[in-house]
Amino acid sequence: MARIAKNALPVMLLVLLGSSVSAEPLPYVYTRWKQFTVADGLPNDHIFAVKAAGPHVWVGTENGLARIDKRTGEIETWREADGLPWKVVSAIDVNRKTGEVWIGLFGGGLARYSGGRFDHFTQLNSGLVNDVVYGVAVENDNVWVATTAGASRFNTLTGEWSIYTEKNAPMEEIWNYAATYNDGRVYLGVWGSGVLEFDVEKERWKVYLDPDGEMEIDLYRDDGLVHVITTGVSYVDDILWVGSYFGGSRYDGRHWRGYFNQDSGLPSDFINFVEGRSADEAWYCTDKGVGVVTDFATNTWVIYTRVPGTDSGQAVVMRDREVLKTVPMGLNIPHNYVLAADVDGNDVWIGTSKGLAWGIGEDYYAGIGGSASKASRTAATAEAGK
């Protein structure tokens, strides 16, 4: 039998281990997807909102509300004939303590679904400042509602309403696009006013703006929010992720980082929504697909798109603007115009203008390389040192 040279062992090991010991460690790529459309039981394919809560996923569409049972795949729907107060559902949040589902209605105000019935709040019968609702966020016993004429806060225990406009909050404009709550702070994305932070305990506002004042471009790199027309906000692990119609931003409390199509994995600077998973990962929903920054330190991204004119999708792994790998697959997202996303443990849900996608992450790992890849590289390194 031929003798194998000792210095050949590491090379053979690398071959056996395959791509897991690549010089370019890669992030996790979702390759298992399920899709839901009208054909599967959704009331409409134009998805405005998606919210996972336990075994269920709530879906807001242009013509009704849906609830998907992840265990069985069954879909229950509500339209106006079923008691839904308004057909266009633009925002959803769930009170994890009570199970109440809060529903933003685009032109119809706010609804609460609890105990099998809908309660309806409008600017005529409550303290809701406007009936065109873009965002809803549950904050302890309160519900925040982002509308085109300011924000409202509803105390579900006392029934008291508070209204925030340019008269009592630092809003240069009052068109509120997004609302989110985490770790004692409410964040509002406001058209023309950047991001407003409300400290719940201190009842104090803080403003995040684009300090260079230039409306069309980001004049100075990483000087603050990339633009004041903010469309999405997400706060997780002490990191603020922001989406706008002119790019994305990340803020760690001291340093800003701006993201643009020209220097990152953003498919487009036109961002409809952002959902942060961690301090390193965020999902940007754009008009040309989903751009996921998977590792902040290395600016590594995964872009998910449907290939136009085909029934196939693909994922492109990028670092800065360098393509590291292209992963062809069957359909991943139904359409490249993406309006909503929600992280559900290792899974993700993506709402588009032509249906809903469920990315299944059974072997998900954070960052780049993954635990298996790191173990393989360690073994290869140890063998090479013998």
Protein backbone atom coordinates (compact mmCIF):
# COMPACT_ATOMS: atom_id res chain seq x y z
CA MET A 1 0.00 0.00 0.00
CA ALA A 2 1.32 3.43 -0.88
CA ARG A 3 2.58 5.49 2.04
CA ILE A 4 0.95 8.87 2.61
CA ALA A 5 3.28 11.72 3.38
CA LYS A 6 2.66 13.25 6.81
CA ASN A 7 2.34 16.77 5.44
CA ALA A 8 -0.44 15.59 3.12
CA LEU A 9 -2.77 14.73 6.01
CA PRO A 10 -4.03 18.28 6.59
CA VAL A 11 -4.78 18.66 2.88
CA MET A 12 -6.75 15.42 2.80
CA LEU A 13 -8.59 16.44 5.96
CA LEU A 14 -9.56 19.71 4.36
CA VAL A 15 -10.92 17.87 1.35
CA LEU A 16 -12.94 15.51 3.54
CA LEU A 17 -14.33 18.34 5.63
CA GLY A 18 -15.36 20.27 2.53
CA SER A 19 -16.73 23.79 2.64
CA SER A 20 -16.90 23.86 6.43
CA VAL A 21 -13.20 24.70 6.51
CA SER A 22 -13.32 27.25 3.74
CA ALA A 23 -11.05 30.24 4.07
CA GLU A 24 -14.28 32.27 3.95
CA PRO A 25 -16.52 31.12 6.83
CA LEU A 26 -20.12 31.67 5.83
CA PRO A 27 -23.30 32.62 7.68
CA TYR A 28 -26.37 30.42 7.98
CA VAL A 29 -28.51 30.38 4.84
CA TYR A 30 -32.19 29.45 4.99
CA THR A 31 -32.79 26.81 2.32
CA ARG A 32 -36.06 25.31 3.63
CA TRP A 33 -39.09 27.46 2.91
CA LYS A 34 -42.86 27.11 2.92
CA GLN A 35 -45.21 29.56 1.27
CA PHE A 36 -48.77 30.60 1.99
CA THR A 37 -51.06 32.36 -0.48
CA VAL A 38 -54.76 32.65 -1.20
CA ALA A 39 -54.55 29.15 -2.66
CA ASP A 40 -53.56 27.87 0.79
CA GLY A 41 -56.29 29.78 2.62
CA LEU A 42 -55.00 33.32 3.20
CA PRO A 43 -57.68 36.00 2.73
CA ASN A 44 -55.36 38.01 0.46
CA ASP A 45 -51.82 37.75 -0.89
CA HIS A 46 -50.80 41.35 -0.10
CA ILE A 47 -49.21 40.96 3.34
CA PHE A 48 -48.77 44.06 5.50
CA ALA A 49 -47.98 42.49 8.89
CA VAL A 50 -46.88 39.19 10.42
CA LYS A 51 -46.50 38.28 14.09
CA ALA A 52 -45.51 34.91 15.53
CA ALA A 53 -46.84 34.08 19.01
CA GLY A 54 -46.39 30.59 20.37
CA PRO A 55 -47.89 27.97 18.05
CA HIS A 56 -49.66 30.57 15.94
CA VAL A 57 -48.69 33.18 13.37
CA TRP A 58 -50.96 36.17 12.84
CA VAL A 59 -51.04 37.65 9.35
CA GLY A 60 -52.45 41.03 8.32
CA THR A 61 -53.47 41.38 4.69
CA GLU A 62 -55.14 43.85 2.38
CA ASN A 63 -58.44 42.00 2.79
CA GLY A 64 -58.58 40.37 6.18
CA LEU A 65 -56.79 38.77 9.12
CA ALA A 66 -55.41 35.24 9.25
CA ARG A 67 -54.01 32.93 11.91
CA ILE A 68 -51.79 30.02 10.91
CA ASP A 69 -51.37 27.01 13.20
CA LYS A 70 -47.72 26.05 12.78
CA ARG A 71 -48.37 22.52 14.05
CA THR A 72 -51.14 21.61 11.63
CA GLY A 73 -50.85 24.19 8.85
CA GLU A 74 -54.51 25.10 9.28
CA ILE A 75 -55.45 28.70 8.52
CA GLU A 76 -58.33 30.56 10.18
CA THR A 77 -59.44 33.84 8.64
CA TRP A 78 -61.55 36.85 9.57
CA ARG A 79 -63.05 39.38 7.20
CA GLU A 80 -65.56 42.15 7.84
CA ALA A 81 -68.38 39.64 7.51
CA ASP A 82 -66.78 37.67 10.37
CA GLY A 83 -66.57 40.67 12.71
CA LEU A 84 -63.26 42.21 11.69
CA PRO A 85 -63.98 45.96 11.95
CA TRP A 86 -61.99 46.90 8.81
CA LYS A 87 -60.61 44.84 5.98
CA VAL A 88 -57.06 46.26 5.67
CA VAL A 89 -54.82 45.01 8.50
CA SER A 90 -51.60 47.00 8.58
CA ALA A 91 -50.04 46.12 11.96
CA ILE A 92 -50.20 43.39 14.61
CA ASP A 93 -48.82 42.87 18.10
CA VAL A 94 -49.67 40.30 20.76
CA ASN A 95 -49.83 40.83 24.52
CA ARG A 96 -47.86 37.79 25.71
CA LYS A 97 -49.36 38.09 29.21
CA THR A 98 -53.03 38.17 28.24
CA GLY A 99 -53.02 36.69 24.75
CA GLU A 100 -54.85 39.72 23.38
CA VAL A 101 -54.12 40.49 19.74
CA TRP A 102 -53.89 44.18 18.85
CA ILE A 103 -54.61 44.99 15.24
CA GLY A 104 -53.81 48.18 13.36
CA LEU A 105 -56.33 48.96 10.63
CA PHE A 106 -55.32 51.09 7.67
CA GLY A 107 -58.16 53.62 7.71
CA GLY A 108 -60.23 51.76 10.27
CA GLY A 109 -58.49 52.55 13.56
CA LEU A 110 -57.48 49.91 16.10
CA ALA A 111 -58.97 46.55 17.04
CA ARG A 112 -58.47 44.11 19.89
CA TYR A 113 -59.18 40.42 19.39
CA SER A 114 -59.79 38.59 22.66
CA GLY A 115 -62.10 35.82 23.76
CA GLY A 116 -63.36 35.28 20.24
CA ARG A 117 -64.57 38.84 19.73
CA PHE A 118 -63.31 42.13 18.29
CA ASP A 119 -63.35 45.46 20.11
CA HIS A 120 -63.04 48.51 17.88
CA PHE A 121 -61.37 51.86 18.69
CA THR A 122 -61.52 54.87 16.40
CA GLN A 123 -60.86 58.59 16.61
CA LEU A 124 -64.60 59.08 17.15
CA ASN A 125 -65.12 56.69 20.08
CA SER A 126 -61.74 56.77 21.84
CA GLY A 127 -58.50 58.69 22.26
CA LEU A 128 -57.02 57.34 19.07
CA VAL A 129 -55.54 60.32 17.28
CA ASN A 130 -56.17 59.04 13.75
CA ASP A 131 -57.70 55.99 12.05
CA VAL A 132 -54.85 55.40 9.58
CA VAL A 133 -52.62 53.07 11.60
CA TYR A 134 -49.13 51.98 10.54
CA GLY A 135 -47.75 50.41 13.71
CA VAL A 136 -48.84 48.83 16.99
CA ALA A 137 -46.68 47.94 20.01
CA VAL A 138 -47.64 46.43 23.36
CA GLU A 139 -45.77 48.07 26.28
CA ASN A 140 -46.58 46.44 29.63
CA ASP A 141 -50.29 47.23 30.17
CA ASN A 142 -50.26 49.90 27.44
CA VAL A 143 -50.68 49.78 23.69
CA TRP A 144 -48.92 52.28 21.44
CA VAL A 145 -50.43 53.13 18.08
CA ALA A 146 -48.49 54.88 15.30
CA THR A 147 -50.79 56.85 13.00
CA THR A 148 -50.53 59.48 10.29
CA ALA A 149 -51.44 62.22 12.80
CA GLY A 150 -49.29 61.29 15.77
CA ALA A 151 -49.11 58.47 18.29
CA SER A 152 -51.61 57.29 20.87
CA ARG A 153 -51.02 55.30 24.05
CA PHE A 154 -53.87 53.27 25.55
CA ASN A 155 -53.79 51.98 29.12
CA THR A 156 -55.75 48.75 28.97
CA LEU A 157 -56.29 48.68 32.75
CA THR A 158 -57.58 52.21 33.31
CA GLY A 159 -58.94 52.94 29.85
CA GLU A 160 -56.92 56.18 29.75
CA TRP A 161 -55.60 57.49 26.43
CA SER A 162 -52.58 59.71 25.84
CA ILE A 163 -51.91 61.49 22.54
CA TYR A 164 -48.48 62.55 21.30
CA THR A 165 -48.09 65.07 18.49
CA GLU A 166 -45.84 68.03 17.72
CA LYS A 167 -47.53 69.84 20.64
CA ASN A 168 -46.12 67.61 23.40
CA ALA A 169 -43.48 65.43 21.73
CA PRO A 170 -40.37 66.26 19.63
CA MET A 171 -42.07 65.60 16.29
CA GLU A 172 -41.25 67.94 13.45
CA GLU A 173 -43.73 65.89 11.45
CA ILE A 174 -46.54 63.81 12.94
CA TRP A 175 -46.70 60.96 10.42
CA ASN A 176 -45.75 57.97 12.60
CA TYR A 177 -44.66 54.97 10.57
CA ALA A 178 -43.55 52.39 13.14
CA ALA A 179 -43.68 51.51 16.83
CA THR A 180 -41.79 48.96 18.91
CA TYR A 181 -41.14 48.31 22.60
CA ASN A 182 -38.33 46.55 24.43
CA ASP A 183 -36.32 46.93 27.62
CA GLY A 184 -38.28 49.84 29.07
CA ARG A 185 -38.28 52.00 25.95
CA VAL A 186 -40.73 52.69 23.17
CA TYR A 187 -39.34 53.63 19.76
CA LEU A 188 -41.35 55.46 17.11
CA GLY A 189 -40.28 55.79 13.49
CA VAL A 190 -41.55 59.13 12.25
CA TRP A 191 -41.69 60.48 8.71
CA GLY A 192 -39.41 63.54 8.71
CA SER A 193 -38.57 63.31 12.41
CA GLY A 194 -36.23 60.33 12.58
CA VAL A 195 -36.61 58.02 15.58
CA LEU A 196 -38.16 59.03 18.89
CA GLU A 197 -37.29 57.11 22.04
CA PHE A 198 -39.66 57.22 25.01
CA ASP A 199 -38.28 56.14 28.37
CA VAL A 200 -41.31 54.57 30.06
CA GLU A 201 -40.07 54.96 33.65
CA LYS A 202 -38.86 58.54 33.30
CA GLU A 203 -41.52 59.53 30.73
CA ARG A 204 -38.81 61.35 28.81
CA TRP A 205 -38.23 61.67 25.06
CA LYS A 206 -34.99 61.37 23.13
CA VAL A 207 -34.55 62.15 19.43
CA TYR A 208 -32.34 60.49 16.83
CA LEU A 209 -31.86 62.45 13.60
CA ASP A 210 -29.60 62.69 10.59
CA PRO A 211 -27.29 65.47 11.83
CA ASP A 212 -25.99 66.57 8.43
CA GLY A 213 -29.46 67.77 7.45
CA GLU A 214 -29.14 66.58 3.85
CA MET A 215 -32.41 65.08 2.62
CA GLU A 216 -31.27 63.14 -0.44
CA ILE A 217 -27.92 61.65 0.58
CA ASP A 218 -25.96 60.81 3.70
CA LEU A 219 -23.38 63.57 3.52
CA TYR A 220 -21.10 62.33 6.32
CA ARG A 221 -20.65 58.61 6.85
CA ASP A 222 -21.82 57.12 10.18
CA ASP A 223 -22.55 60.51 11.76
CA GLY A 224 -26.01 59.44 12.90
CA LEU A 225 -29.26 58.21 11.44
CA VAL A 226 -28.89 57.99 7.65
CA HIS A 227 -32.21 59.75 7.03
CA VAL A 228 -35.11 61.32 8.91
CA ILE A 229 -37.81 59.48 6.91
CA THR A 230 -37.82 56.34 9.03
CA THR A 231 -40.04 53.40 8.16
CA GLY A 232 -38.95 50.72 10.62
CA VAL A 233 -37.42 50.44 14.10
CA SER A 234 -36.30 47.42 16.09
CA TYR A 235 -34.50 47.38 19.44
CA VAL A 236 -32.77 44.20 20.63
CA ASP A 237 -29.70 43.42 22.75
CA ASP A 238 -29.08 47.15 23.36
CA ILE A 239 -28.91 47.78 19.60
CA LEU A 240 -31.24 50.03 17.65
CA TRP A 241 -31.83 48.92 14.05
CA VAL A 242 -33.53 51.48 11.78
CA GLY A 243 -34.89 51.36 8.25
CA SER A 244 -35.63 54.33 6.01
CA TYR A 245 -36.42 55.06 2.37
CA PHE A 246 -32.74 55.97 1.89
CA GLY A 247 -30.85 53.15 3.66
CA GLY A 248 -30.48 51.48 7.03
CA SER A 249 -28.82 52.28 10.36
CA ARG A 250 -27.44 50.54 13.44
CA TYR A 251 -26.75 52.27 16.76
CA ASP A 252 -25.06 50.73 19.81
CA GLY A 253 -25.51 53.70 22.14
CA ARG A 254 -22.23 55.33 21.11
CA HIS A 255 -21.54 54.58 17.46
CA TRP A 256 -23.68 54.68 14.35
CA ARG A 257 -23.28 52.55 11.25
CA GLY A 258 -25.09 53.31 8.00
CA TYR A 259 -25.97 50.72 5.37
CA PHE A 260 -26.55 51.36 1.69
CA ASN A 261 -26.93 49.26 -1.42
CA GLN A 262 -23.60 50.49 -2.74
CA ASP A 263 -21.50 49.22 0.18
CA SER A 264 -23.42 46.41 1.84
CA GLY A 265 -25.80 43.54 1.17
CA LEU A 266 -28.88 45.74 1.11
CA PRO A 267 -30.80 44.79 -2.06
CA SER A 268 -32.18 48.35 -2.14
CA ASP A 269 -32.05 51.52 -0.04
CA PHE A 270 -35.87 51.61 -0.07
CA ILE A 271 -36.66 49.85 3.21
CA ASN A 272 -40.21 49.08 4.27
CA PHE A 273 -39.49 47.34 7.58
CA VAL A 274 -36.67 46.05 9.78
CA GLU A 275 -36.62 43.25 12.34
CA GLY A 276 -33.57 42.76 14.55
CA ARG A 277 -32.70 39.32 15.82
CA SER A 278 -29.62 40.22 17.88
CA ALA A 279 -26.86 42.78 18.17
CA ASP A 280 -25.30 41.24 15.05
CA GLU A 281 -28.27 40.29 12.89
CA ALA A 282 -31.18 42.21 11.37
CA TRP A 283 -33.64 41.56 8.54
CA TYR A 284 -34.23 44.49 6.18
CA CYS A 285 -37.38 44.28 4.06
CA THR A 286 -36.95 46.20 0.81
CA ASP A 287 -38.64 46.66 -2.54
CA LYS A 288 -36.05 44.31 -4.12
CA GLY A 289 -35.86 41.45 -1.65
CA VAL A 290 -34.69 40.76 1.90
CA GLY A 291 -31.22 41.83 3.01
CA VAL A 292 -29.99 40.21 6.23
CA VAL A 293 -26.91 41.53 7.97
CA THR A 294 -25.83 38.30 9.66
CA ASP A 295 -22.54 39.40 11.22
CA PHE A 296 -22.09 43.06 12.06
CA ALA A 297 -18.33 42.95 12.71
CA THR A 298 -17.50 41.62 9.23
CA ASN A 299 -20.40 43.27 7.37
CA THR A 300 -21.54 39.86 6.13
CA TRP A 301 -24.97 39.63 4.53
CA VAL A 302 -27.40 37.17 2.98
CA ILE A 303 -29.79 38.46 0.31
CA TYR A 304 -32.96 36.44 -0.38
CA THR A 305 -34.75 37.08 -3.66
CA ARG A 306 -37.07 35.40 -6.08
CA VAL A 307 -35.48 35.17 -9.52
CA PRO A 308 -37.75 37.26 -11.78
CA GLY A 309 -39.66 35.32 -14.42
CA THR A 310 -39.01 31.95 -12.75
CA ASP A 311 -40.37 29.74 -10.00
CA SER A 312 -37.01 29.72 -8.26
CA GLY A 313 -35.29 31.76 -5.59
CA GLN A 314 -31.74 32.28 -4.49
CA ALA A 315 -29.62 33.45 -1.60
CA VAL A 316 -26.49 35.51 -2.22
CA VAL A 317 -23.86 35.66 0.54
CA MET A 318 -21.88 38.91 0.53
CA ARG A 319 -19.18 40.60 2.54
CA ASP A 320 -19.28 44.31 1.88
CA ARG A 321 -20.06 44.15 -1.87
CA GLU A 322 -18.08 41.00 -2.57
CA VAL A 323 -20.15 37.93 -3.46
CA LEU A 324 -18.87 34.95 -1.48
CA LYS A 325 -21.44 32.39 -2.56
CA THR A 326 -24.72 32.09 -4.46
CA VAL A 327 -27.15 29.42 -3.27
CA PRO A 328 -29.84 28.52 -5.83
CA MET A 329 -33.02 26.98 -4.45
CA GLY A 330 -36.69 26.52 -5.10
CA LEU A 331 -38.99 29.33 -4.14
CA ASN A 332 -37.96 31.10 -0.97
CA ILE A 333 -39.98 34.33 -0.91
CA PRO A 334 -43.06 34.71 -3.14
CA HIS A 335 -42.13 38.20 -4.34
CA ASN A 336 -39.26 40.67 -4.05
CA TYR A 337 -41.45 43.48 -2.72
CA VAL A 338 -41.18 42.73 1.00
CA LEU A 339 -43.24 44.54 3.62
CA ALA A 340 -42.95 42.60 6.88
CA ALA A 341 -40.81 40.16 8.83
CA ASP A 342 -40.82 38.47 12.21
CA VAL A 343 -38.17 36.33 13.87
CA ASP A 344 -39.68 33.22 15.46
CA GLY A 345 -36.94 31.43 17.39
CA ASN A 346 -34.75 29.83 14.73
CA ASP A 347 -37.40 30.48 12.07
CA VAL A 348 -38.39 33.62 10.19
CA TRP A 349 -41.63 34.82 8.59
CA ILE A 350 -41.56 37.14 5.59
CA GLY A 351 -44.59 39.04 4.26
CA THR A 352 -44.54 40.14 0.62
CA SER A 353 -46.93 41.69 -1.87
CA LYS A 354 -47.65 38.23 -3.29
CA GLY A 355 -47.81 35.98 -0.25
CA LEU A 356 -46.15 34.84 2.97
CA ALA A 357 -42.93 32.84 3.40
CA TRP A 358 -41.82 30.69 6.33
CA GLY A 359 -38.07 30.16 6.59
CA ILE A 360 -37.37 27.04 8.65
CA GLY A 361 -34.06 27.15 10.52
CA GLU A 362 -33.74 23.71 12.10
CA ASP A 363 -29.92 23.95 12.24
CA TYR A 364 -29.67 27.71 12.52
CA TYR A 365 -26.48 29.19 13.92
CA ALA A 366 -25.66 32.81 14.64
CA GLY A 367 -22.82 34.76 13.08
CA ILE A 368 -20.51 33.16 10.56
CA GLY A 369 -19.08 29.64 10.44
CA GLY A 370 -21.43 27.95 12.88
CA SER A 371 -20.49 25.61 15.72
CA ALA A 372 -19.94 22.62 13.42
CA SER A 373 -17.71 24.61 11.11
CA LYS A 374 -15.71 26.00 14.01
CA ALA A 375 -15.18 22.50 15.38
CA SER A 376 -14.05 21.30 11.99
CA ARG A 377 -11.59 24.17 11.59
CA THR A 378 -10.21 23.48 15.07
CA ALA A 379 -9.69 19.82 14.19
CA ALA A 380 -8.00 20.74 10.92
CA THR A 381 -5.73 23.23 12.65
CA ALA A 382 -4.75 20.71 15.31
CA GLU A 383 -3.99 18.07 12.69
CA ALA A 384 -1.93 20.53 10.67
CA GLY A 385 0.22 21.27 13.70
CA LYS A 386 1.28 17.67 14.23
